[in-house]
PDB file of all heavy atoms in Angstrom:
ATOM      1  N   ASP A   1       2.920  -6.055 -13.237  1.00  0.00           N
ATOM      2  CA  ASP A   1       1.683  -6.217 -14.000  1.00  0.00           C
ATOM      3  C   ASP A   1       0.462  -5.914 -13.144  1.00  0.00           C
ATOM      4  O   ASP A   1      -0.532  -5.341 -13.633  1.00  0.00           O
ATOM      5  CB  ASP A   1       1.579  -7.642 -14.552  1.00  0.00           C
ATOM      6  CG  ASP A   1       2.610  -7.922 -15.635  1.00  0.00           C
ATOM      7  OD1 ASP A   1       3.065  -6.961 -16.278  1.00  0.00           O
ATOM      8  OD2 ASP A   1       2.962  -9.104 -15.830  1.00  0.00           O
ATOM      9  N   ILE A   2       0.516  -6.277 -11.870  1.00  0.00           N
ATOM     10  CA  ILE A   2      -0.600  -5.996 -10.967  1.00  0.00           C
ATOM     11  C   ILE A   2      -0.758  -4.491 -10.771  1.00  0.00           C
ATOM     12  O   ILE A   2      -1.870  -3.953 -10.775  1.00  0.00           O
ATOM     13  CB  ILE A   2      -0.374  -6.702  -9.614  1.00  0.00           C
ATOM     14  CG1 ILE A   2      -0.378  -8.216  -9.804  1.00  0.00           C
ATOM     15  CG2 ILE A   2      -1.435  -6.287  -8.597  1.00  0.00           C
ATOM     16  CD1 ILE A   2       0.023  -8.999  -8.573  1.00  0.00           C
ATOM     17  N   VAL A   3       0.356  -3.798 -10.615  1.00  0.00           N
ATOM     18  CA  VAL A   3       0.319  -2.346 -10.417  1.00  0.00           C
ATOM     19  C   VAL A   3      -0.301  -1.651 -11.624  1.00  0.00           C
ATOM     20  O   VAL A   3      -1.084  -0.691 -11.477  1.00  0.00           O
ATOM     21  CB  VAL A   3       1.738  -1.808 -10.143  1.00  0.00           C
ATOM     22  CG1 VAL A   3       1.769  -0.285 -10.214  1.00  0.00           C
ATOM     23  CG2 VAL A   3       2.227  -2.286  -8.791  1.00  0.00           C
ATOM     24  N   THR A   4       0.022  -2.113 -12.818  1.00  0.00           N
ATOM     25  CA  THR A   4      -0.500  -1.496 -14.036  1.00  0.00           C
ATOM     26  C   THR A   4      -2.020  -1.479 -14.058  1.00  0.00           C
ATOM     27  O   THR A   4      -2.642  -0.515 -14.532  1.00  0.00           O
ATOM     28  CB  THR A   4       0.032  -2.243 -15.276  1.00  0.00           C
ATOM     29  OG1 THR A   4       1.456  -2.158 -15.295  1.00  0.00           O
ATOM     30  CG2 THR A   4      -0.520  -1.641 -16.558  1.00  0.00           C
ATOM     31  N   ALA A   5      -2.632  -2.525 -13.533  1.00  0.00           N
ATOM     32  CA  ALA A   5      -4.092  -2.639 -13.568  1.00  0.00           C
ATOM     33  C   ALA A   5      -4.767  -2.180 -12.285  1.00  0.00           C
ATOM     34  O   ALA A   5      -5.997  -2.173 -12.196  1.00  0.00           O
ATOM     35  CB  ALA A   5      -4.477  -4.104 -13.846  1.00  0.00           C
ATOM     36  N   ALA A   6      -3.990  -1.783 -11.281  1.00  0.00           N
ATOM     37  CA  ALA A   6      -4.557  -1.452  -9.974  1.00  0.00           C
ATOM     38  C   ALA A   6      -5.112  -0.034  -9.938  1.00  0.00           C
ATOM     39  O   ALA A   6      -4.609   0.858 -10.641  1.00  0.00           O
ATOM     40  CB  ALA A   6      -3.478  -1.607  -8.900  1.00  0.00           C
ATOM     41  N   PRO A   7      -6.148   0.209  -9.128  1.00  0.00           N
ATOM     42  CA  PRO A   7      -6.662   1.578  -8.976  1.00  0.00           C
ATOM     43  C   PRO A   7      -5.634   2.480  -8.302  1.00  0.00           C
ATOM     44  O   PRO A   7      -4.887   2.032  -7.417  1.00  0.00           O
ATOM     45  CB  PRO A   7      -7.902   1.384  -8.097  1.00  0.00           C
ATOM     46  CG  PRO A   7      -7.704   0.084  -7.398  1.00  0.00           C
ATOM     47  CD  PRO A   7      -6.915  -0.769  -8.330  1.00  0.00           C
ATOM     48  N   VAL A   8      -5.592   3.728  -8.723  1.00  0.00           N
ATOM     49  CA  VAL A   8      -4.627   4.700  -8.204  1.00  0.00           C
ATOM     50  C   VAL A   8      -5.361   5.702  -7.321  1.00  0.00           C
ATOM     51  O   VAL A   8      -6.434   6.200  -7.682  1.00  0.00           O
ATOM     52  CB  VAL A   8      -3.898   5.415  -9.360  1.00  0.00           C
ATOM     53  CG1 VAL A   8      -2.985   6.515  -8.823  1.00  0.00           C
ATOM     54  CG2 VAL A   8      -3.100   4.410 -10.185  1.00  0.00           C
ATOM     55  N   HIS A   9      -4.766   6.001  -6.168  1.00  0.00           N
ATOM     56  CA  HIS A   9      -5.361   6.944  -5.225  1.00  0.00           C
ATOM     57  C   HIS A   9      -4.313   7.939  -4.764  1.00  0.00           C
ATOM     58  O   HIS A   9      -3.106   7.699  -4.896  1.00  0.00           O
ATOM     59  CB  HIS A   9      -5.927   6.205  -4.009  1.00  0.00           C
ATOM     60  CG  HIS A   9      -6.940   5.164  -4.332  1.00  0.00           C
ATOM     61  ND1 HIS A   9      -8.235   5.455  -4.693  1.00  0.00           N
ATOM     62  CD2 HIS A   9      -6.846   3.802  -4.354  1.00  0.00           C
ATOM     63  CE1 HIS A   9      -8.913   4.341  -4.914  1.00  0.00           C
ATOM     64  NE2 HIS A   9      -8.087   3.321  -4.724  1.00  0.00           N
ATOM     65  N   GLU A  10      -4.787   9.039  -4.195  1.00  0.00           N
ATOM     66  CA  GLU A  10      -3.890  10.006  -3.578  1.00  0.00           C
ATOM     67  C   GLU A  10      -3.747   9.696  -2.094  1.00  0.00           C
ATOM     68  O   GLU A  10      -4.698   9.259  -1.445  1.00  0.00           O
ATOM     69  CB  GLU A  10      -4.413  11.435  -3.765  1.00  0.00           C
ATOM     70  CG  GLU A  10      -4.374  11.920  -5.206  1.00  0.00           C
ATOM     71  CD  GLU A  10      -4.652  13.401  -5.312  1.00  0.00           C
ATOM     72  OE1 GLU A  10      -4.957  14.018  -4.261  1.00  0.00           O
ATOM     73  OE2 GLU A  10      -4.549  13.948  -6.420  1.00  0.00           O
ATOM     74  N   PHE A  11      -2.526   9.910  -1.582  1.00  0.00           N
ATOM     75  CA  PHE A  11      -2.319   9.730  -0.158  1.00  0.00           C
ATOM     76  C   PHE A  11      -3.153  10.737   0.620  1.00  0.00           C
ATOM     77  O   PHE A  11      -3.294  11.904   0.233  1.00  0.00           O
ATOM     78  CB  PHE A  11      -0.839   9.933   0.205  1.00  0.00           C
ATOM     79  CG  PHE A  11       0.053   8.808  -0.234  1.00  0.00           C
ATOM     80  CD1 PHE A  11       0.931   8.992  -1.303  1.00  0.00           C
ATOM     81  CD2 PHE A  11       0.028   7.593   0.414  1.00  0.00           C
ATOM     82  CE1 PHE A  11       1.779   7.961  -1.703  1.00  0.00           C
ATOM     83  CE2 PHE A  11       0.864   6.558   0.021  1.00  0.00           C
ATOM     84  CZ  PHE A  11       1.741   6.740  -1.042  1.00  0.00           C
ATOM     85  N   GLY A  12      -3.714  10.294   1.732  1.00  0.00           N
ATOM     86  CA  GLY A  12      -4.441  11.168   2.641  1.00  0.00           C
ATOM     87  C   GLY A  12      -3.806  11.117   4.003  1.00  0.00           C
ATOM     88  O   GLY A  12      -2.584  11.048   4.144  1.00  0.00           O
ATOM     89  N   ASP A  13      -4.664  11.114   5.040  1.00  0.00           N
ATOM     90  CA  ASP A  13      -4.151  11.084   6.405  1.00  0.00           C
ATOM     91  C   ASP A  13      -4.204   9.680   6.999  1.00  0.00           C
ATOM     92  O   ASP A  13      -4.095   9.510   8.214  1.00  0.00           O
ATOM     93  CB  ASP A  13      -4.919  12.057   7.283  1.00  0.00           C
ATOM     94  CG  ASP A  13      -6.422  11.773   7.303  1.00  0.00           C
ATOM     95  OD1 ASP A  13      -6.861  10.802   6.644  1.00  0.00           O
ATOM     96  OD2 ASP A  13      -7.150  12.518   7.989  1.00  0.00           O
ATOM     97  N   GLU A  14      -4.355   8.676   6.157  1.00  0.00           N
ATOM     98  CA  GLU A  14      -4.426   7.304   6.629  1.00  0.00           C
ATOM     99  C   GLU A  14      -3.099   6.867   7.235  1.00  0.00           C
ATOM    100  O   GLU A  14      -2.026   7.236   6.760  1.00  0.00           O
ATOM    101  CB  GLU A  14      -4.792   6.382   5.464  1.00  0.00           C
ATOM    102  CG  GLU A  14      -5.174   4.982   5.876  1.00  0.00           C
ATOM    103  CD  GLU A  14      -5.763   4.182   4.718  1.00  0.00           C
ATOM    104  OE1 GLU A  14      -5.564   4.576   3.547  1.00  0.00           O
ATOM    105  OE2 GLU A  14      -6.415   3.164   4.987  1.00  0.00           O
ATOM    106  N   ARG A  15      -3.194   6.062   8.295  1.00  0.00           N
ATOM    107  CA  ARG A  15      -1.987   5.560   8.958  1.00  0.00           C
ATOM    108  C   ARG A  15      -1.117   4.769   7.987  1.00  0.00           C
ATOM    109  O   ARG A  15      -1.610   3.981   7.184  1.00  0.00           O
ATOM    110  CB  ARG A  15      -2.360   4.667  10.140  1.00  0.00           C
ATOM    111  CG  ARG A  15      -1.170   3.922  10.761  1.00  0.00           C
ATOM    112  CD  ARG A  15      -1.610   2.990  11.876  1.00  0.00           C
ATOM    113  NE  ARG A  15      -0.508   2.197  12.387  1.00  0.00           N
ATOM    114  CZ  ARG A  15      -0.184   0.991  11.943  1.00  0.00           C
ATOM    115  NH1 ARG A  15      -0.896   0.417  10.975  1.00  0.00           N
ATOM    116  NH2 ARG A  15       0.843   0.338  12.463  1.00  0.00           N
ATOM    117  N   VAL A  16       0.201   4.982   8.094  1.00  0.00           N
ATOM    118  CA  VAL A  16       1.183   4.190   7.359  1.00  0.00           C
ATOM    119  C   VAL A  16       1.702   3.108   8.293  1.00  0.00           C
ATOM    120  O   VAL A  16       2.271   3.404   9.354  1.00  0.00           O
ATOM    121  CB  VAL A  16       2.345   5.059   6.854  1.00  0.00           C
ATOM    122  CG1 VAL A  16       3.385   4.204   6.130  1.00  0.00           C
ATOM    123  CG2 VAL A  16       1.831   6.167   5.946  1.00  0.00           C
ATOM    124  N   GLY A  17       1.490   1.849   7.917  1.00  0.00           N
ATOM    125  CA  GLY A  17       1.983   0.746   8.723  1.00  0.00           C
ATOM    126  C   GLY A  17       3.387   0.346   8.313  1.00  0.00           C
ATOM    127  O   GLY A  17       3.977   0.918   7.385  1.00  0.00           O
ATOM    128  N   PRO A  18       3.964  -0.642   8.981  1.00  0.00           N
ATOM    129  CA  PRO A  18       5.243  -1.179   8.514  1.00  0.00           C
ATOM    130  C   PRO A  18       5.058  -1.750   7.112  1.00  0.00           C
ATOM    131  O   PRO A  18       3.986  -2.285   6.796  1.00  0.00           O
ATOM    132  CB  PRO A  18       5.580  -2.266   9.543  1.00  0.00           C
ATOM    133  CG  PRO A  18       4.271  -2.624  10.163  1.00  0.00           C
ATOM    134  CD  PRO A  18       3.427  -1.391  10.138  1.00  0.00           C
ATOM    135  N   PRO A  19       6.056  -1.659   6.241  1.00  0.00           N
ATOM    136  CA  PRO A  19       5.858  -2.061   4.846  1.00  0.00           C
ATOM    137  C   PRO A  19       5.791  -3.566   4.622  1.00  0.00           C
ATOM    138  O   PRO A  19       5.482  -4.000   3.522  1.00  0.00           O
ATOM    139  CB  PRO A  19       7.063  -1.451   4.124  1.00  0.00           C
ATOM    140  CG  PRO A  19       8.104  -1.327   5.177  1.00  0.00           C
ATOM    141  CD  PRO A  19       7.371  -1.041   6.452  1.00  0.00           C
ATOM    142  N   ILE A  20       6.095  -4.358   5.648  1.00  0.00           N
ATOM    143  CA  ILE A  20       5.933  -5.804   5.569  1.00  0.00           C
ATOM    144  C   ILE A  20       5.077  -6.256   6.744  1.00  0.00           C
ATOM    145  O   ILE A  20       5.018  -5.597   7.784  1.00  0.00           O
ATOM    146  CB  ILE A  20       7.282  -6.553   5.597  1.00  0.00           C
ATOM    147  CG1 ILE A  20       8.074  -6.207   6.860  1.00  0.00           C
ATOM    148  CG2 ILE A  20       8.092  -6.254   4.332  1.00  0.00           C
ATOM    149  CD1 ILE A  20       9.330  -7.033   7.061  1.00  0.00           C
ATOM    150  N   ALA A  21       4.387  -7.385   6.551  1.00  0.00           N
ATOM    151  CA  ALA A  21       3.636  -7.973   7.649  1.00  0.00           C
ATOM    152  C   ALA A  21       4.599  -8.528   8.696  1.00  0.00           C
ATOM    153  O   ALA A  21       5.807  -8.643   8.447  1.00  0.00           O
ATOM    154  CB  ALA A  21       2.734  -9.080   7.111  1.00  0.00           C
ATOM    155  N   ARG A  22       4.054  -8.878   9.854  1.00  0.00           N
ATOM    156  CA  ARG A  22       4.916  -9.402  10.913  1.00  0.00           C
ATOM    157  C   ARG A  22       5.763 -10.552  10.389  1.00  0.00           C
ATOM    158  O   ARG A  22       5.235 -11.548   9.889  1.00  0.00           O
ATOM    159  CB  ARG A  22       4.085  -9.880  12.103  1.00  0.00           C
ATOM    160  CG  ARG A  22       4.962 -10.378  13.263  1.00  0.00           C
ATOM    161  CD  ARG A  22       4.158 -10.970  14.392  1.00  0.00           C
ATOM    162  NE  ARG A  22       3.299  -9.965  15.025  1.00  0.00           N
ATOM    163  CZ  ARG A  22       2.593 -10.199  16.135  1.00  0.00           C
ATOM    164  NH1 ARG A  22       2.640 -11.407  16.707  1.00  0.00           N
ATOM    165  NH2 ARG A  22       1.832  -9.253  16.651  1.00  0.00           N
ATOM    166  N   PRO A  23       7.087 -10.444  10.496  1.00  0.00           N
ATOM    167  CA  PRO A  23       7.958 -11.469   9.924  1.00  0.00           C
ATOM    168  C   PRO A  23       8.071 -12.701  10.819  1.00  0.00           C
ATOM    169  O   PRO A  23       7.732 -12.667  12.010  1.00  0.00           O
ATOM    170  CB  PRO A  23       9.313 -10.758   9.804  1.00  0.00           C
ATOM    171  CG  PRO A  23       9.285  -9.762  10.920  1.00  0.00           C
ATOM    172  CD  PRO A  23       7.850  -9.311  11.043  1.00  0.00           C
ATOM    173  N   HIS A  24       8.588 -13.755  10.227  1.00  0.00           N
ATOM    174  CA  HIS A  24       8.900 -14.977  10.975  1.00  0.00           C
ATOM    175  C   HIS A  24       9.924 -14.692  12.065  1.00  0.00           C
ATOM    176  O   HIS A  24       9.834 -15.218  13.167  1.00  0.00           O
ATOM    177  CB  HIS A  24       9.410 -16.034   9.985  1.00  0.00           C
ATOM    178  CG  HIS A  24      10.170 -17.162  10.581  1.00  0.00           C
ATOM    179  ND1 HIS A  24      11.546 -17.264  10.477  1.00  0.00           N
ATOM    180  CD2 HIS A  24       9.778 -18.236  11.303  1.00  0.00           C
ATOM    181  CE1 HIS A  24      11.956 -18.364  11.096  1.00  0.00           C
ATOM    182  NE2 HIS A  24      10.912 -18.967  11.603  1.00  0.00           N
TER     183      HIS A  24
END
């Protein structure tokens, strides 16, 4: 539901981080 209402952008040259925050 959040994705449905979220703004959509095109990928650029922005850094891709790890897909999860630092885990326990």
